[in-house]
Amino acid sequence: MSEIMISLRDIKKTYRSMGDEVQALRSVTLDIEKGESVSVMGHSGSGKSTLLSIIGALNPPTSGIIEIDGIDIYKLSQEKRADFRREYLGFVFQQFQLIPYLTAHENVMLPLTTTKRSNKEKREMAEEVLHRVGLANKMKRLPNQLSGGEQERVAIARAIVNEPPLILADEPTGSLDTKTGDEIMELFQQLNQEGLTVLMVTHNPDNTRYMSRTIMMKDGKLSSDEEDIMSAITDKRK
């Protein structure tokens, strides 16, 4: 029997600005199983990034329940929620968000700074994941000495160094050329095959072929209509 990693029940998110209300998410209900790789597509303003930030324990919903691995994350205190993010989630962003004056090795070690491990163990863990992402020979380089694809690999290594069960990626290939983007997607596919659950927001329809399932968002809702999904993929490939 499959286990559920992410469970959303009737999630709504309303933003208020100068007296106006914007409904970013409208009654979203969704299950993602452990070990799945899921891509989320949709036009700008469809609610993709809001959905990812809520799942990432960064943005409380206006109403509804979200559980990750059976944990109701918005019932946790802020301190416990921060602990949860560190232990359960690995974040990968389009803009890499690397510290420019730290080497690749030092950037990857950052999530380990608050863990109760020896410095030797932290160094070895960072080295091991840099080997896994193909950067064993570039650990001492600064971000500006690396290509865009290499910087994204450092960002992925940093996301997985704590061995989280869930990776959340927001347009991870958005600033990369097609060949490099495919290499990064192959890396995500490999991590998924190793057992990680991957949830990725993407505008690139070609990325969906590396994922086990594609979800379409439209006006703050999930569309289960296969025609909507195929139409969005086809339109973006034209």
C-alpha atoms as a PDB file:
ATOM      1  CA  MET A   1       0.000   0.000   0.000  1.00  0.00           C
ATOM      2  CA  SER A   2       1.374   3.408  -1.011  1.00  0.00           C
ATOM      3  CA  GLU A   3       2.258   5.949   1.639  1.00  0.00           C
ATOM      4  CA  ILE A   4       1.267   9.604   1.296  1.00  0.00           C
ATOM      5  CA  MET A   5       4.059  12.179   1.552  1.00  0.00           C
ATOM      6  CA  ILE A   6       1.985  15.332   0.891  1.00  0.00           C
ATOM      7  CA  SER A   7      -1.713  15.635   1.744  1.00  0.00           C
ATOM      8  CA  LEU A   8      -3.626  18.846   1.011  1.00  0.00           C
ATOM      9  CA  ARG A   9      -7.258  19.151   2.020  1.00  0.00           C
ATOM     10  CA  ASP A  10      -9.408  22.067   0.853  1.00  0.00           C
ATOM     11  CA  ILE A  11      -6.494  24.536   0.840  1.00  0.00           C
ATOM     12  CA  LYS A  12      -7.464  28.148   0.269  1.00  0.00           C
ATOM     13  CA  LYS A  13      -5.204  31.174   0.191  1.00  0.00           C
ATOM     14  CA  THR A  14      -6.485  34.729   0.024  1.00  0.00           C
ATOM     15  CA  TYR A  15      -4.263  37.787  -0.177  1.00  0.00           C
ATOM     16  CA  ARG A  16      -5.609  41.164   0.878  1.00  0.00           C
ATOM     17  CA  SER A  17      -4.229  44.391  -0.501  1.00  0.00           C
ATOM     18  CA  MET A  18      -5.706  47.886  -0.123  1.00  0.00           C
ATOM     19  CA  GLY A  19      -9.167  46.527   0.530  1.00  0.00           C
ATOM     20  CA  ASP A  20      -9.119  44.058  -2.347  1.00  0.00           C
ATOM     21  CA  GLU A  21      -9.030  40.280  -2.044  1.00  0.00           C
ATOM     22  CA  VAL A  22      -7.180  37.970  -4.412  1.00  0.00           C
ATOM     23  CA  GLN A  23      -7.893  34.258  -4.202  1.00  0.00           C
ATOM     24  CA  ALA A  24      -4.574  32.625  -5.039  1.00  0.00           C
ATOM     25  CA  LEU A  25      -5.740  29.088  -4.207  1.00  0.00           C
ATOM     26  CA  ARG A  26      -9.320  27.843  -4.298  1.00  0.00           C
ATOM     27  CA  SER A  27     -10.113  24.621  -2.424  1.00  0.00           C
ATOM     28  CA  VAL A  28      -7.059  22.652  -3.522  1.00  0.00           C
ATOM     29  CA  THR A  29      -7.117  18.973  -2.513  1.00  0.00           C
ATOM     30  CA  LEU A  30      -4.174  16.809  -3.514  1.00  0.00           C
ATOM     31  CA  ASP A  31      -2.215  13.716  -2.472  1.00  0.00           C
ATOM     32  CA  ILE A  32       1.371  13.016  -3.513  1.00  0.00           C
ATOM     33  CA  GLU A  33       2.795   9.625  -2.646  1.00  0.00           C
ATOM     34  CA  LYS A  34       6.242   8.941  -1.246  1.00  0.00           C
ATOM     35  CA  GLY A  35       8.670   8.394  -4.096  1.00  0.00           C
ATOM     36  CA  GLU A  36       6.607  10.261  -6.696  1.00  0.00           C
ATOM     37  CA  SER A  37       8.022  12.970  -8.940  1.00  0.00           C
ATOM     38  CA  VAL A  38       5.386  15.569  -9.784  1.00  0.00           C
ATOM     39  CA  SER A  39       5.587  18.625 -12.015  1.00  0.00           C
ATOM     40  CA  VAL A  40       3.175  21.546 -11.595  1.00  0.00           C
ATOM     41  CA  MET A  41       2.389  23.629 -14.670  1.00  0.00           C
ATOM     42  CA  GLY A  42       0.174  26.632 -15.271  1.00  0.00           C
ATOM     43  CA  HIS A  43       0.175  30.194 -16.532  1.00  0.00           C
ATOM     44  CA  SER A  44       1.591  33.060 -14.443  1.00  0.00           C
ATOM     45  CA  GLY A  45      -0.794  33.839 -11.602  1.00  0.00           C
ATOM     46  CA  SER A  46      -2.315  30.358 -11.610  1.00  0.00           C
ATOM     47  CA  GLY A  47      -1.184  29.691  -8.028  1.00  0.00           C
ATOM     48  CA  LYS A  48       1.849  27.445  -8.641  1.00  0.00           C
ATOM     49  CA  SER A  49       4.341  29.377  -6.521  1.00  0.00           C
ATOM     50  CA  THR A  50       1.789  29.957  -3.750  1.00  0.00           C
ATOM     51  CA  LEU A  51       1.145  26.214  -3.641  1.00  0.00           C
ATOM     52  CA  LEU A  52       4.875  25.482  -3.400  1.00  0.00           C
ATOM     53  CA  SER A  53       5.441  28.029  -0.627  1.00  0.00           C
ATOM     54  CA  ILE A  54       2.553  26.589   1.415  1.00  0.00           C
ATOM     55  CA  ILE A  55       3.885  23.045   1.022  1.00  0.00           C
ATOM     56  CA  GLY A  56       7.322  24.401   1.930  1.00  0.00           C
ATOM     57  CA  ALA A  57       6.047  25.509   5.376  1.00  0.00           C
ATOM     58  CA  LEU A  58       6.746  29.140   4.444  1.00  0.00           C
ATOM     59  CA  ASN A  59       3.270  30.532   3.836  1.00  0.00           C
ATOM     60  CA  PRO A  60       0.269  29.500   5.985  1.00  0.00           C
ATOM     61  CA  PRO A  61      -2.959  28.869   4.065  1.00  0.00           C
ATOM     62  CA  THR A  62      -6.027  30.947   4.843  1.00  0.00           C
ATOM     63  CA  SER A  63      -7.880  27.688   5.533  1.00  0.00           C
ATOM     64  CA  GLY A  64      -7.499  23.973   5.003  1.00  0.00           C
ATOM     65  CA  ILE A  65      -5.137  21.284   6.263  1.00  0.00           C
ATOM     66  CA  ILE A  66      -1.712  20.319   4.942  1.00  0.00           C
ATOM     67  CA  GLU A  67       0.161  17.310   6.236  1.00  0.00           C
ATOM     68  CA  ILE A  68       3.611  16.157   5.199  1.00  0.00           C
ATOM     69  CA  ASP A  69       4.458  12.615   6.208  1.00  0.00           C
ATOM     70  CA  GLY A  70       1.487  12.775   8.569  1.00  0.00           C
ATOM     71  CA  ILE A  71       2.627  16.015  10.258  1.00  0.00           C
ATOM     72  CA  ASP A  72       0.183  18.959  10.313  1.00  0.00           C
ATOM     73  CA  ILE A  73       2.915  21.503   9.617  1.00  0.00           C
ATOM     74  CA  TYR A  74       0.936  24.664  10.419  1.00  0.00           C
ATOM     75  CA  LYS A  75       0.095  23.387  13.889  1.00  0.00           C
ATOM     76  CA  LEU A  76       3.821  23.481  14.678  1.00  0.00           C
ATOM     77  CA  SER A  77       5.344  26.479  16.443  1.00  0.00           C
ATOM     78  CA  GLN A  78       7.568  28.695  14.269  1.00  0.00           C
ATOM     79  CA  GLU A  79      10.660  27.166  15.866  1.00  0.00           C
ATOM     80  CA  LYS A  80       9.445  23.607  15.284  1.00  0.00           C
ATOM     81  CA  ARG A  81       8.425  24.517  11.740  1.00  0.00           C
ATOM     82  CA  ALA A  82      11.962  25.745  11.061  1.00  0.00           C
ATOM     83  CA  ASP A  83      13.278  22.427  12.390  1.00  0.00           C
ATOM     84  CA  PHE A  84      10.799  20.637  10.151  1.00  0.00           C
ATOM     85  CA  ARG A  85      11.984  22.523   7.051  1.00  0.00           C
ATOM     86  CA  ARG A  86      15.595  21.673   7.815  1.00  0.00           C
ATOM     87  CA  GLU A  87      14.904  17.972   8.379  1.00  0.00           C
ATOM     88  CA  TYR A  88      12.228  17.249   5.776  1.00  0.00           C
ATOM     89  CA  LEU A  89      12.648  19.679   2.895  1.00  0.00           C
ATOM     90  CA  GLY A  90      15.287  20.522   0.328  1.00  0.00           C
ATOM     91  CA  PHE A  91      14.657  23.719  -1.658  1.00  0.00           C
ATOM     92  CA  VAL A  92      16.032  24.389  -5.159  1.00  0.00           C
ATOM     93  CA  PHE A  93      15.455  27.762  -6.823  1.00  0.00           C
ATOM     94  CA  GLN A  94      15.917  29.218 -10.300  1.00  0.00           C
ATOM     95  CA  GLN A  95      18.406  31.853  -9.120  1.00  0.00           C
ATOM     96  CA  PHE A  96      20.630  29.340  -7.243  1.00  0.00           C
ATOM     97  CA  GLN A  97      20.884  31.657  -4.173  1.00  0.00           C
ATOM     98  CA  LEU A  98      24.493  30.738  -3.473  1.00  0.00           C
ATOM     99  CA  ILE A  99      26.654  32.877  -1.161  1.00  0.00           C
ATOM    100  CA  PRO A 100      29.140  34.506  -3.586  1.00  0.00           C
ATOM    101  CA  TYR A 101      32.150  34.584  -1.224  1.00  0.00           C
ATOM    102  CA  LEU A 102      31.826  30.929  -0.163  1.00  0.00           C
ATOM    103  CA  THR A 103      33.194  27.991  -2.144  1.00  0.00           C
ATOM    104  CA  ALA A 104      30.907  25.303  -3.522  1.00  0.00           C
ATOM    105  CA  HIS A 105      31.907  23.089  -0.590  1.00  0.00           C
ATOM    106  CA  GLU A 106      31.164  25.825   1.963  1.00  0.00           C
ATOM    107  CA  ASN A 107      27.803  26.647   0.331  1.00  0.00           C
ATOM    108  CA  VAL A 108      26.744  23.015   0.566  1.00  0.00           C
ATOM    109  CA  MET A 109      27.783  22.871   4.232  1.00  0.00           C
ATOM    110  CA  LEU A 110      25.475  25.780   5.191  1.00  0.00           C
ATOM    111  CA  PRO A 111      22.371  23.693   6.064  1.00  0.00           C
ATOM    112  CA  LEU A 112      24.544  21.628   8.421  1.00  0.00           C
ATOM    113  CA  THR A 113      25.674  24.561  10.572  1.00  0.00           C
ATOM    114  CA  THR A 114      22.912  24.100  13.150  1.00  0.00           C
ATOM    115  CA  THR A 115      23.114  20.306  13.280  1.00  0.00           C
ATOM    116  CA  LYS A 116      24.863  18.426  16.088  1.00  0.00           C
ATOM    117  CA  ARG A 117      27.621  16.943  13.985  1.00  0.00           C
ATOM    118  CA  SER A 118      31.378  17.335  14.102  1.00  0.00           C
ATOM    119  CA  ASN A 119      33.027  19.676  11.601  1.00  0.00           C
ATOM    120  CA  LYS A 120      34.743  16.651  10.059  1.00  0.00           C
ATOM    121  CA  GLU A 121      31.403  14.910   9.522  1.00  0.00           C
ATOM    122  CA  LYS A 122      29.874  18.067   8.003  1.00  0.00           C
ATOM    123  CA  ARG A 123      32.791  18.408   5.576  1.00  0.00           C
ATOM    124  CA  GLU A 124      32.509  14.752   4.573  1.00  0.00           C
ATOM    125  CA  MET A 125      28.739  14.973   4.041  1.00  0.00           C
ATOM    126  CA  ALA A 126      29.176  18.029   1.782  1.00  0.00           C
ATOM    127  CA  GLU A 127      31.948  16.316  -0.169  1.00  0.00           C
ATOM    128  CA  GLU A 128      29.811  13.212  -0.650  1.00  0.00           C
ATOM    129  CA  VAL A 129      26.853  15.073  -2.180  1.00  0.00           C
ATOM    130  CA  LEU A 130      29.132  17.147  -4.406  1.00  0.00           C
ATOM    131  CA  HIS A 131      30.489  13.835  -5.707  1.00  0.00           C
ATOM    132  CA  ARG A 132      26.899  12.685  -6.315  1.00  0.00           C
ATOM    133  CA  VAL A 133      26.088  15.749  -8.440  1.00  0.00           C
ATOM    134  CA  GLY A 134      29.316  15.490 -10.456  1.00  0.00           C
ATOM    135  CA  LEU A 135      31.335  18.330  -8.917  1.00  0.00           C
ATOM    136  CA  ALA A 136      34.028  16.437  -7.041  1.00  0.00           C
ATOM    137  CA  ASN A 137      36.761  18.396  -8.825  1.00  0.00           C
ATOM    138  CA  LYS A 138      35.205  21.849  -8.344  1.00  0.00           C
ATOM    139  CA  MET A 139      34.480  21.932  -4.622  1.00  0.00           C
ATOM    140  CA  LYS A 140      36.893  24.782  -3.910  1.00  0.00           C
ATOM    141  CA  ARG A 141      35.571  27.111  -6.606  1.00  0.00           C
ATOM    142  CA  LEU A 142      33.510  30.206  -5.897  1.00  0.00           C
ATOM    143  CA  PRO A 143      30.090  30.537  -7.585  1.00  0.00           C
ATOM    144  CA  ASN A 144      31.407  33.042 -10.155  1.00  0.00           C
ATOM    145  CA  GLN A 145      33.987  30.441 -11.211  1.00  0.00           C
ATOM    146  CA  LEU A 146      31.231  27.970 -12.086  1.00  0.00           C
ATOM    147  CA  SER A 147      28.850  27.756 -15.045  1.00  0.00           C
ATOM    148  CA  GLY A 148      25.110  28.188 -14.557  1.00  0.00           C
ATOM    149  CA  GLY A 149      24.560  24.437 -14.662  1.00  0.00           C
ATOM    150  CA  GLU A 150      27.346  23.859 -12.136  1.00  0.00           C
ATOM    151  CA  GLN A 151      25.868  26.480  -9.808  1.00  0.00           C
ATOM    152  CA  GLU A 152      22.517  24.703 -10.006  1.00  0.00           C
ATOM    153  CA  ARG A 153      24.239  21.422  -9.154  1.00  0.00           C
ATOM    154  CA  VAL A 154      25.735  23.110  -6.079  1.00  0.00           C
ATOM    155  CA  ALA A 155      22.237  24.313  -5.155  1.00  0.00           C
ATOM    156  CA  ILE A 156      20.894  20.760  -5.535  1.00  0.00           C
ATOM    157  CA  ALA A 157      23.751  19.371  -3.442  1.00  0.00           C
ATOM    158  CA  ARG A 158      22.955  21.932  -0.742  1.00  0.00           C
ATOM    159  CA  ALA A 159      19.278  20.881  -0.874  1.00  0.00           C
ATOM    160  CA  ILE A 160      20.038  17.186  -0.349  1.00  0.00           C
ATOM    161  CA  VAL A 161      22.985  17.366   2.091  1.00  0.00           C
ATOM    162  CA  ASN A 162      20.642  16.953   5.093  1.00  0.00           C
ATOM    163  CA  GLU A 163      19.136  13.882   3.412  1.00  0.00           C
ATOM    164  CA  PRO A 164      15.560  15.245   3.351  1.00  0.00           C
ATOM    165  CA  PRO A 165      12.829  12.964   1.983  1.00  0.00           C
ATOM    166  CA  LEU A 166      11.212  15.752  -0.084  1.00  0.00           C
ATOM    167  CA  ILE A 167      12.691  18.128  -2.691  1.00  0.00           C
ATOM    168  CA  LEU A 168      10.771  21.276  -3.693  1.00  0.00           C
ATOM    169  CA  ALA A 169      12.056  22.918  -6.874  1.00  0.00           C
ATOM    170  CA  ASP A 170      10.874  26.249  -8.307  1.00  0.00           C
ATOM    171  CA  GLU A 171      11.797  26.632 -11.997  1.00  0.00           C
ATOM    172  CA  PRO A 172      15.193  24.952 -11.487  1.00  0.00           C
ATOM    173  CA  THR A 173      16.047  25.041 -15.208  1.00  0.00           C
ATOM    174  CA  GLY A 174      14.529  28.465 -15.934  1.00  0.00           C
ATOM    175  CA  SER A 175      17.847  30.263 -16.451  1.00  0.00           C
ATOM    176  CA  LEU A 176      19.689  27.395 -18.159  1.00  0.00           C
ATOM    177  CA  ASP A 177      20.120  26.468 -21.815  1.00  0.00           C
ATOM    178  CA  THR A 178      18.308  23.391 -23.116  1.00  0.00           C
ATOM    179  CA  LYS A 179      21.256  20.967 -22.912  1.00  0.00           C
ATOM    180  CA  THR A 180      22.190  22.016 -19.371  1.00  0.00           C
ATOM    181  CA  GLY A 181      18.533  21.994 -18.335  1.00  0.00           C
ATOM    182  CA  ASP A 182      18.200  18.400 -19.556  1.00  0.00           C
ATOM    183  CA  GLU A 183      21.292  17.430 -17.530  1.00  0.00           C
ATOM    184  CA  ILE A 184      19.753  18.974 -14.393  1.00  0.00           C
ATOM    185  CA  MET A 185      16.466  17.167 -15.020  1.00  0.00           C
ATOM    186  CA  GLU A 186      18.341  13.884 -15.411  1.00  0.00           C
ATOM    187  CA  LEU A 187      19.905  14.581 -12.005  1.00  0.00           C
ATOM    188  CA  PHE A 188      16.459  15.142 -10.459  1.00  0.00           C
ATOM    189  CA  GLN A 189      15.289  11.913 -12.101  1.00  0.00           C
ATOM    190  CA  GLN A 190      18.255  10.071 -10.587  1.00  0.00           C
ATOM    191  CA  LEU A 191      17.526  11.485  -7.110  1.00  0.00           C
ATOM    192  CA  ASN A 192      13.894  10.398  -7.463  1.00  0.00           C
ATOM    193  CA  GLN A 193      14.996   6.887  -8.442  1.00  0.00           C
ATOM    194  CA  GLU A 194      17.099   6.846  -5.262  1.00  0.00           C
ATOM    195  CA  GLY A 195      13.893   7.368  -3.261  1.00  0.00           C
ATOM    196  CA  LEU A 196      13.415  11.122  -2.909  1.00  0.00           C
ATOM    197  CA  THR A 197       9.974  12.620  -3.517  1.00  0.00           C
ATOM    198  CA  VAL A 198      10.247  15.548  -5.949  1.00  0.00           C
ATOM    199  CA  LEU A 199       7.731  18.346  -6.489  1.00  0.00           C
ATOM    200  CA  MET A 200       8.681  20.837  -9.188  1.00  0.00           C
ATOM    201  CA  VAL A 201       7.058  24.007 -10.498  1.00  0.00           C
ATOM    202  CA  THR A 202       8.017  24.518 -14.127  1.00  0.00           C
ATOM    203  CA  HIS A 203       7.070  26.505 -17.228  1.00  0.00           C
ATOM    204  CA  ASN A 204       9.075  24.147 -19.431  1.00  0.00           C
ATOM    205  CA  PRO A 205       6.913  21.351 -20.889  1.00  0.00           C
ATOM    206  CA  ASP A 206       9.995  19.310 -21.779  1.00  0.00           C
ATOM    207  CA  ASN A 207      10.700  18.899 -18.059  1.00  0.00           C
ATOM    208  CA  THR A 208       7.465  16.931 -17.614  1.00  0.00           C
ATOM    209  CA  ARG A 209       8.899  13.896 -19.435  1.00  0.00           C
ATOM    210  CA  TYR A 210      11.306  13.374 -16.546  1.00  0.00           C
ATOM    211  CA  MET A 211       8.484  13.317 -13.977  1.00  0.00           C
ATOM    212  CA  SER A 212       6.015  10.572 -13.126  1.00  0.00           C
ATOM    213  CA  ARG A 213       2.987  12.899 -13.034  1.00  0.00           C
ATOM    214  CA  THR A 214       2.001  16.380 -14.209  1.00  0.00           C
ATOM    215  CA  ILE A 215      -0.542  18.616 -12.462  1.00  0.00           C
ATOM    216  CA  MET A 216      -2.102  21.617 -14.173  1.00  0.00           C
ATOM    217  CA  MET A 217      -3.093  24.717 -12.199  1.00  0.00           C
ATOM    218  CA  LYS A 218      -5.664  27.123 -13.544  1.00  0.00           C
ATOM    219  CA  ASP A 219      -7.092  30.149 -11.691  1.00  0.00           C
ATOM    220  CA  GLY A 220      -5.998  28.830  -8.307  1.00  0.00           C
ATOM    221  CA  LYS A 221      -7.453  25.366  -8.840  1.00  0.00           C
ATOM    222  CA  LEU A 222      -6.046  22.015  -9.859  1.00  0.00           C
ATOM    223  CA  SER A 223      -7.236  20.826 -13.229  1.00  0.00           C
ATOM    224  CA  SER A 224      -7.640  17.061 -13.547  1.00  0.00           C
ATOM    225  CA  ASP A 225      -8.636  17.517 -17.178  1.00  0.00           C
ATOM    226  CA  GLU A 226      -6.068  15.680 -19.298  1.00  0.00           C
ATOM    227  CA  GLU A 227      -6.938  17.971 -22.217  1.00  0.00           C
ATOM    228  CA  ASP A 228      -5.937  21.049 -20.172  1.00  0.00           C
ATOM    229  CA  ILE A 229      -2.586  19.471 -19.342  1.00  0.00           C
ATOM    230  CA  MET A 230      -1.841  18.320 -22.885  1.00  0.00           C
ATOM    231  CA  SER A 231      -2.992  21.665 -24.295  1.00  0.00           C
ATOM    232  CA  ALA A 232      -0.641  23.566 -21.974  1.00  0.00           C
ATOM    233  CA  ILE A 233       2.287  21.300 -22.887  1.00  0.00           C
ATOM    234  CA  THR A 234       1.549  21.531 -26.609  1.00  0.00           C
ATOM    235  CA  ASP A 235       1.086  25.332 -26.531  1.00  0.00           C
ATOM    236  CA  LYS A 236       4.395  25.876 -24.761  1.00  0.00           C
ATOM    237  CA  ARG A 237       6.273  23.620 -27.191  1.00  0.00           C
ATOM    238  CA  LYS A 238       5.135  25.626 -30.225  1.00  0.00           C
END
